PDB file of N, CA and C in Angstrom:
ATOM      1  N   MET A   1     -12.097 -20.563 -28.635  1.00  0.00           N
ATOM      2  CA  MET A   1     -12.860 -20.474 -27.178  1.00  0.00           C
ATOM      3  C   MET A   1     -14.095 -19.823 -27.358  1.00  0.00           C
ATOM      4  N   VAL A   2     -15.200 -20.505 -26.697  1.00  0.00           N
ATOM      5  CA  VAL A   2     -16.543 -19.987 -26.712  1.00  0.00           C
ATOM      6  C   VAL A   2     -16.859 -19.594 -25.319  1.00  0.00           C
ATOM      7  N   THR A   3     -17.366 -18.459 -25.127  1.00  0.00           N
ATOM      8  CA  THR A   3     -17.830 -17.902 -23.750  1.00  0.00           C
ATOM      9  C   THR A   3     -19.255 -17.736 -23.715  1.00  0.00           C
ATOM     10  N   PHE A   4     -19.732 -18.438 -22.660  1.00  0.00           N
ATOM     11  CA  PHE A   4     -21.213 -18.221 -22.313  1.00  0.00           C
ATOM     12  C   PHE A   4     -21.286 -17.920 -20.671  1.00  0.00           C
ATOM     13  N   ASN A   5     -21.917 -16.718 -20.599  1.00  0.00           N
ATOM     14  CA  ASN A   5     -22.135 -16.176 -19.298  1.00  0.00           C
ATOM     15  C   ASN A   5     -21.081 -16.364 -18.283  1.00  0.00           C
ATOM     16  N   ARG A   6     -19.860 -15.720 -18.881  1.00  0.00           N
ATOM     17  CA  ARG A   6     -18.606 -15.578 -17.901  1.00  0.00           C
ATOM     18  C   ARG A   6     -18.087 -17.068 -17.726  1.00  0.00           C
ATOM     19  N   ILE A   7     -18.436 -17.973 -18.432  1.00  0.00           N
ATOM     20  CA  ILE A   7     -17.778 -19.257 -18.425  1.00  0.00           C
ATOM     21  C   ILE A   7     -17.172 -19.680 -19.649  1.00  0.00           C
ATOM     22  N   SER A   8     -16.031 -19.951 -19.723  1.00  0.00           N
ATOM     23  CA  SER A   8     -15.125 -20.168 -21.123  1.00  0.00           C
ATOM     24  C   SER A   8     -15.017 -21.722 -21.241  1.00  0.00           C
ATOM     25  N   VAL A   9     -15.457 -22.057 -22.339  1.00  0.00           N
ATOM     26  CA  VAL A   9     -15.457 -23.535 -22.720  1.00  0.00           C
ATOM     27  C   VAL A   9     -14.422 -23.757 -23.962  1.00  0.00           C
ATOM     28  N   ASP A  10     -13.409 -24.516 -23.912  1.00  0.00           N
ATOM     29  CA  ASP A  10     -12.551 -24.777 -25.057  1.00  0.00           C
ATOM     30  C   ASP A  10     -13.357 -25.671 -25.874  1.00  0.00           C
ATOM     31  N   LYS A  11     -13.072 -25.486 -27.275  1.00  0.00           N
ATOM     32  CA  LYS A  11     -13.811 -26.346 -28.253  1.00  0.00           C
ATOM     33  C   LYS A  11     -12.892 -27.690 -28.236  1.00  0.00           C
ATOM     34  N   TYR A  12     -13.645 -28.888 -28.585  1.00  0.00           N
ATOM     35  CA  TYR A  12     -12.933 -30.210 -28.544  1.00  0.00           C
ATOM     36  C   TYR A  12     -12.092 -30.203 -29.966  1.00  0.00           C
ATOM     37  N   THR A  13     -10.875 -30.600 -29.568  1.00  0.00           N
ATOM     38  CA  THR A  13     -10.056 -30.778 -30.881  1.00  0.00           C
ATOM     39  C   THR A  13      -9.389 -32.091 -30.969  1.00  0.00           C
ATOM     40  N   GLU A  14      -9.282 -32.499 -32.161  1.00  0.00           N
ATOM     41  CA  GLU A  14      -8.845 -33.981 -32.431  1.00  0.00           C
ATOM     42  C   GLU A  14      -7.193 -33.808 -32.921  1.00  0.00           C
ATOM     43  N   THR A  15      -6.754 -32.645 -32.968  1.00  0.00           N
ATOM     44  CA  THR A  15      -5.415 -32.399 -33.629  1.00  0.00           C
ATOM     45  C   THR A  15      -4.416 -32.751 -32.582  1.00  0.00           C
ATOM     46  N   THR A  16      -3.198 -33.324 -33.086  1.00  0.00           N
ATOM     47  CA  THR A  16      -2.088 -33.376 -32.003  1.00  0.00           C
ATOM     48  C   THR A  16      -0.933 -32.382 -32.428  1.00  0.00           C
ATOM     49  N   THR A  17      -1.161 -31.813 -33.659  1.00  0.00           N
ATOM     50  CA  THR A  17      -0.123 -30.846 -34.098  1.00  0.00           C
ATOM     51  C   THR A  17      -0.638 -29.431 -34.420  1.00  0.00           C
ATOM     52  N   SER A  18       0.143 -28.506 -34.484  1.00  0.00           N
ATOM     53  CA  SER A  18      -0.172 -27.170 -34.797  1.00  0.00           C
ATOM     54  C   SER A  18      -0.141 -27.055 -36.284  1.00  0.00           C
ATOM     55  N   SER A  19      -0.364 -25.940 -36.861  1.00  0.00           N
ATOM     56  CA  SER A  19      -0.476 -25.748 -38.356  1.00  0.00           C
ATOM     57  C   SER A  19       1.034 -25.899 -39.057  1.00  0.00           C
ATOM     58  N   THR A  20       1.848 -25.431 -37.968  1.00  0.00           N
ATOM     59  CA  THR A  20       3.332 -25.468 -38.379  1.00  0.00           C
ATOM     60  C   THR A  20       3.944 -27.034 -38.394  1.00  0.00           C
ATOM     61  N   GLY A  21       3.274 -27.877 -37.729  1.00  0.00           N
ATOM     62  CA  GLY A  21       3.789 -29.193 -37.665  1.00  0.00           C
ATOM     63  C   GLY A  21       4.269 -29.533 -36.216  1.00  0.00           C
ATOM     64  N   ALA A  22       4.527 -28.578 -35.377  1.00  0.00           N
ATOM     65  CA  ALA A  22       4.855 -28.786 -34.043  1.00  0.00           C
ATOM     66  C   ALA A  22       3.815 -29.483 -33.249  1.00  0.00           C
ATOM     67  N   LEU A  23       4.268 -30.351 -32.145  1.00  0.00           N
ATOM     68  CA  LEU A  23       3.351 -31.007 -31.374  1.00  0.00           C
ATOM     69  C   LEU A  23       2.700 -29.989 -30.393  1.00  0.00           C
ATOM     70  N   LEU A  24       1.529 -30.351 -30.174  1.00  0.00           N
ATOM     71  CA  LEU A  24       0.711 -29.396 -29.168  1.00  0.00           C
ATOM     72  C   LEU A  24       1.187 -29.916 -27.692  1.00  0.00           C
ATOM     73  N   PRO A  25       0.959 -29.102 -26.678  1.00  0.00           N
ATOM     74  CA  PRO A  25       1.373 -29.321 -25.328  1.00  0.00           C
ATOM     75  C   PRO A  25       0.311 -30.363 -24.975  1.00  0.00           C
ATOM     76  N   GLU A  26       0.747 -31.244 -24.019  1.00  0.00           N
ATOM     77  CA  GLU A  26      -0.120 -32.190 -23.415  1.00  0.00           C
ATOM     78  C   GLU A  26      -1.315 -31.703 -22.516  1.00  0.00           C
ATOM     79  N   PRO A  27      -2.420 -32.104 -22.647  1.00  0.00           N
ATOM     80  CA  PRO A  27      -3.731 -31.494 -22.119  1.00  0.00           C
ATOM     81  C   PRO A  27      -3.534 -31.549 -20.434  1.00  0.00           C
ATOM     82  N   GLN A  28      -4.221 -30.777 -19.817  1.00  0.00           N
ATOM     83  CA  GLN A  28      -3.940 -30.831 -18.506  1.00  0.00           C
ATOM     84  C   GLN A  28      -4.826 -32.058 -17.934  1.00  0.00           C
ATOM     85  N   LYS A  29      -4.096 -32.540 -16.821  1.00  0.00           N
ATOM     86  CA  LYS A  29      -4.718 -33.628 -16.012  1.00  0.00           C
ATOM     87  C   LYS A  29      -5.355 -33.391 -14.812  1.00  0.00           C
ATOM     88  N   ILE A  30      -6.493 -33.824 -14.514  1.00  0.00           N
ATOM     89  CA  ILE A  30      -7.045 -33.467 -13.169  1.00  0.00           C
ATOM     90  C   ILE A  30      -6.750 -34.732 -12.322  1.00  0.00           C
ATOM     91  N   PRO A  31      -5.982 -34.467 -11.169  1.00  0.00           N
ATOM     92  CA  PRO A  31      -5.526 -35.730 -10.415  1.00  0.00           C
ATOM     93  C   PRO A  31      -6.695 -35.880  -9.361  1.00  0.00           C
ATOM     94  N   PHE A  32      -7.432 -37.020  -9.569  1.00  0.00           N
ATOM     95  CA  PHE A  32      -8.433 -37.339  -8.366  1.00  0.00           C
ATOM     96  C   PHE A  32      -7.865 -38.358  -7.285  1.00  0.00           C
ATOM     97  N   GLY A  33      -6.983 -39.109  -7.596  1.00  0.00           N
ATOM     98  CA  GLY A  33      -6.477 -39.868  -6.674  1.00  0.00           C
ATOM     99  C   GLY A  33      -7.308 -40.874  -6.220  1.00  0.00           C
ATOM    100  N   ILE A  34      -6.836 -41.398  -4.997  1.00  0.00           N
ATOM    101  CA  ILE A  34      -7.555 -42.656  -4.359  1.00  0.00           C
ATOM    102  C   ILE A  34      -8.859 -42.071  -3.761  1.00  0.00           C
ATOM    103  N   VAL A  35      -9.038 -40.756  -3.343  1.00  0.00           N
ATOM    104  CA  VAL A  35     -10.271 -40.165  -2.741  1.00  0.00           C
ATOM    105  C   VAL A  35     -11.349 -40.198  -3.874  1.00  0.00           C
ATOM    106  N   GLY A  36     -10.895 -39.678  -5.143  1.00  0.00           N
ATOM    107  CA  GLY A  36     -11.755 -39.756  -6.145  1.00  0.00           C
ATOM    108  C   GLY A  36     -12.313 -40.991  -6.690  1.00  0.00           C
ATOM    109  N   ILE A  37     -11.392 -41.975  -6.597  1.00  0.00           N
ATOM    110  CA  ILE A  37     -12.068 -43.377  -6.919  1.00  0.00           C
ATOM    111  C   ILE A  37     -13.049 -43.827  -5.758  1.00  0.00           C
ATOM    112  N   ILE A  38     -12.625 -43.571  -4.543  1.00  0.00           N
ATOM    113  CA  ILE A  38     -13.573 -43.842  -3.521  1.00  0.00           C
ATOM    114  C   ILE A  38     -14.919 -43.288  -3.676  1.00  0.00           C
ATOM    115  N   PHE A  39     -14.850 -41.973  -3.942  1.00  0.00           N
ATOM    116  CA  PHE A  39     -16.168 -41.266  -3.857  1.00  0.00           C
ATOM    117  C   PHE A  39     -17.078 -41.609  -5.163  1.00  0.00           C
ATOM    118  N   THR A  40     -16.267 -42.410  -6.060  1.00  0.00           N
ATOM    119  CA  THR A  40     -17.068 -42.794  -7.314  1.00  0.00           C
ATOM    120  C   THR A  40     -17.570 -44.188  -7.195  1.00  0.00           C
ATOM    121  N   VAL A  41     -16.799 -45.087  -6.622  1.00  0.00           N
ATOM    122  CA  VAL A  41     -16.797 -46.605  -6.648  1.00  0.00           C
ATOM    123  C   VAL A  41     -17.994 -46.819  -5.603  1.00  0.00           C
ATOM    124  N   VAL A  42     -17.778 -46.311  -4.245  1.00  0.00           N
ATOM    125  CA  VAL A  42     -18.650 -46.702  -3.173  1.00  0.00           C
ATOM    126  C   VAL A  42     -20.057 -46.226  -3.322  1.00  0.00           C
ATOM    127  N   PRO A  43     -20.451 -45.054  -3.913  1.00  0.00           N
ATOM    128  CA  PRO A  43     -21.957 -44.636  -4.185  1.00  0.00           C
ATOM    129  C   PRO A  43     -22.387 -45.485  -5.313  1.00  0.00           C
ATOM    130  N   GLY A  44     -21.475 -45.902  -6.163  1.00  0.00           N
ATOM    131  CA  GLY A  44     -22.135 -46.905  -7.405  1.00  0.00           C
ATOM    132  C   GLY A  44     -22.339 -48.262  -6.690  1.00  0.00           C
ATOM    133  N   LEU A  45     -21.489 -48.672  -5.905  1.00  0.00           N
ATOM    134  CA  LEU A  45     -21.919 -49.863  -5.399  1.00  0.00           C
ATOM    135  C   LEU A  45     -23.286 -50.039  -4.463  1.00  0.00           C
ATOM    136  N   LEU A  46     -23.314 -49.107  -3.663  1.00  0.00           N
ATOM    137  CA  LEU A  46     -24.454 -48.759  -2.646  1.00  0.00           C
ATOM    138  C   LEU A  46     -25.719 -48.594  -3.601  1.00  0.00           C
ATOM    139  N   ILE A  47     -25.762 -48.129  -4.501  1.00  0.00           N
ATOM    140  CA  ILE A  47     -26.846 -47.713  -5.499  1.00  0.00           C
ATOM    141  C   ILE A  47     -27.263 -48.813  -6.134  1.00  0.00           C
ATOM    142  N   GLY A  48     -26.306 -49.734  -6.679  1.00  0.00           N
ATOM    143  CA  GLY A  48     -26.596 -50.905  -7.363  1.00  0.00           C
ATOM    144  C   GLY A  48     -26.860 -51.967  -6.575  1.00  0.00           C
ATOM    145  N   ALA A  49     -26.542 -52.047  -5.426  1.00  0.00           N
ATOM    146  CA  ALA A  49     -26.992 -53.122  -4.394  1.00  0.00           C
ATOM    147  C   ALA A  49     -28.272 -52.916  -3.888  1.00  0.00           C
ATOM    148  N   THR A  50     -28.674 -51.581  -3.700  1.00  0.00           N
ATOM    149  CA  THR A  50     -30.146 -51.091  -3.207  1.00  0.00           C
ATOM    150  C   THR A  50     -30.973 -51.525  -4.498  1.00  0.00           C
ATOM    151  N   ILE A  51     -30.696 -51.321  -5.617  1.00  0.00           N
ATOM    152  CA  ILE A  51     -31.550 -51.504  -6.710  1.00  0.00           C
ATOM    153  C   ILE A  51     -31.672 -52.997  -6.918  1.00  0.00           C
ATOM    154  N   SER A  52     -30.632 -53.614  -6.870  1.00  0.00           N
ATOM    155  CA  SER A  52     -30.763 -55.258  -6.982  1.00  0.00           C
ATOM    156  C   SER A  52     -31.726 -55.750  -5.911  1.00  0.00           C
ATOM    157  N   LYS A  53     -31.498 -55.034  -4.547  1.00  0.00           N
ATOM    158  CA  LYS A  53     -32.357 -55.790  -3.357  1.00  0.00           C
ATOM    159  C   LYS A  53     -33.792 -55.407  -3.807  1.00  0.00           C
ATOM    160  N   TYR A  54     -34.225 -54.270  -4.116  1.00  0.00           N
ATOM    161  CA  TYR A  54     -35.559 -53.831  -4.237  1.00  0.00           C
ATOM    162  C   TYR A  54     -36.218 -54.735  -5.515  1.00  0.00           C
ATOM    163  N   MET A  55     -35.200 -54.997  -6.711  1.00  0.00           N
ATOM    164  CA  MET A  55     -35.910 -55.793  -7.816  1.00  0.00           C
ATOM    165  C   MET A  55     -35.961 -57.238  -7.410  1.00  0.00           C
ATOM    166  N   ALA A  56     -35.183 -57.807  -6.636  1.00  0.00           N
ATOM    167  CA  ALA A  56     -35.102 -59.221  -6.233  1.00  0.00           C
ATOM    168  C   ALA A  56     -36.498 -59.352  -5.392  1.00  0.00           C
ATOM    169  N   ASN A  57     -36.664 -58.456  -4.396  1.00  0.00           N
ATOM    170  CA  ASN A  57     -37.901 -58.406  -3.561  1.00  0.00           C
ATOM    171  C   ASN A  57     -39.027 -58.370  -4.386  1.00  0.00           C
ATOM    172  N   PHE A  58     -39.202 -57.354  -5.294  1.00  0.00           N
ATOM    173  CA  PHE A  58     -40.324 -57.158  -6.281  1.00  0.00           C
ATOM    174  C   PHE A  58     -40.660 -58.544  -7.071  1.00  0.00           C
ATOM    175  N   LEU A  59     -39.590 -59.168  -7.664  1.00  0.00           N
ATOM    176  CA  LEU A  59     -39.823 -60.495  -8.369  1.00  0.00           C
ATOM    177  C   LEU A  59     -40.218 -61.424  -7.460  1.00  0.00           C
ATOM    178  N   GLU A  60     -39.857 -61.623  -6.245  1.00  0.00           N
ATOM    179  CA  GLU A  60     -40.426 -62.646  -5.418  1.00  0.00           C
ATOM    180  C   GLU A  60     -41.743 -62.537  -4.909  1.00  0.00           C
ATOM    181  N   GLU A  61     -42.189 -61.206  -4.502  1.00  0.00           N
ATOM    182  CA  GLU A  61     -43.426 -60.796  -4.179  1.00  0.00           C
ATOM    183  C   GLU A  61     -44.333 -61.227  -5.280  1.00  0.00           C
ATOM    184  N   ASN A  62     -44.209 -60.829  -6.573  1.00  0.00           N
ATOM    185  CA  ASN A  62     -45.040 -61.112  -7.636  1.00  0.00           C
ATOM    186  C   ASN A  62     -44.860 -62.577  -8.185  1.00  0.00           C
ATOM    187  N   GLU A  63     -44.089 -63.360  -7.621  1.00  0.00           N
ATOM    188  CA  GLU A  63     -43.753 -64.782  -7.895  1.00  0.00           C
ATOM    189  C   GLU A  63     -43.424 -64.868  -9.320  1.00  0.00           C
ATOM    190  N   LEU A  64     -42.713 -64.030  -9.763  1.00  0.00           N
ATOM    191  CA  LEU A  64     -41.956 -64.159 -11.106  1.00  0.00           C
ATOM    192  C   LEU A  64     -40.586 -64.898 -11.119  1.00  0.00           C
ATOM    193  N   PHE A  65     -40.043 -64.874  -9.906  1.00  0.00           N
ATOM    194  CA  PHE A  65     -38.944 -65.704  -9.721  1.00  0.00           C
ATOM    195  C   PHE A  65     -38.954 -65.849  -8.245  1.00  0.00           C
ATOM    196  N   VAL A  66     -38.921 -67.240  -7.874  1.00  0.00           N
ATOM    197  CA  VAL A  66     -39.043 -67.736  -6.553  1.00  0.00           C
ATOM    198  C   VAL A  66     -37.858 -68.760  -6.477  1.00  0.00           C
ATOM    199  N   PRO A  67     -36.744 -68.415  -5.768  1.00  0.00           N
ATOM    200  CA  PRO A  67     -35.929 -69.624  -5.623  1.00  0.00           C
ATOM    201  C   PRO A  67     -36.532 -70.871  -4.856  1.00  0.00           C
ATOM    202  N   SER A  68     -36.009 -71.986  -5.516  1.00  0.00           N
ATOM    203  CA  SER A  68     -36.410 -73.200  -4.833  1.00  0.00           C
ATOM    204  C   SER A  68     -35.336 -73.909  -4.370  1.00  0.00           C
ATOM    205  N   ASP A  69     -35.577 -74.966  -3.515  1.00  0.00           N
ATOM    206  CA  ASP A  69     -34.507 -75.814  -2.733  1.00  0.00           C
ATOM    207  C   ASP A  69     -34.003 -76.852  -3.732  1.00  0.00           C
ATOM    208  N   ASP A  70     -34.953 -77.203  -4.706  1.00  0.00           N
ATOM    209  CA  ASP A  70     -34.602 -78.412  -5.518  1.00  0.00           C
ATOM    210  C   ASP A  70     -33.311 -77.939  -6.584  1.00  0.00           C
ATOM    211  N   ASP A  71     -32.904 -76.627  -6.468  1.00  0.00           N
ATOM    212  CA  ASP A  71     -32.020 -76.442  -7.494  1.00  0.00           C
ATOM    213  C   ASP A  71     -30.493 -76.925  -7.039  1.00  0.00           C
ATOM    214  N   ASP A  72     -30.393 -77.467  -5.746  1.00  0.00           N
ATOM    215  CA  ASP A  72     -29.178 -77.990  -5.216  1.00  0.00           C
ATOM    216  C   ASP A  72     -28.728 -79.348  -5.821  1.00  0.00           C
ATOM    217  N   ASP A  73     -27.844 -79.425  -6.777  1.00  0.00           N
ATOM    218  CA  ASP A  73     -27.340 -80.528  -7.514  1.00  0.00           C
ATOM    219  C   ASP A  73     -26.061 -80.987  -6.855  1.00  0.00           C
ATOM    220  N   ASP A  74     -25.960 -80.968  -5.580  1.00  0.00           N
ATOM    221  CA  ASP A  74     -24.763 -81.403  -5.026  1.00  0.00           C
ATOM    222  C   ASP A  74     -24.386 -82.859  -5.080  1.00  0.00           C
ATOM    223  N   ASP A  75     -25.299 -83.795  -5.640  1.00  0.00           N
ATOM    224  CA  ASP A  75     -24.968 -85.263  -5.623  1.00  0.00           C
ATOM    225  C   ASP A  75     -23.882 -85.579  -6.217  1.00  0.00           C
TER     226      ASP A  75
END
């Protein structure tokens, strides 16, 4: 364990057994639940939608991509 300014940080380990061959205990799980999922997904969607909107507006203003009505091949 390494200590920096009163914050302790465990070193990363890839082992699953101790030196005697016994299995190590299961690591702690941090339950986020549905609230954690909502607080992760909703801001990501909002940020992505905002970036997409501004990028599409930029492309259309600079005439790099202008949607045309001739693309409808519903015949």
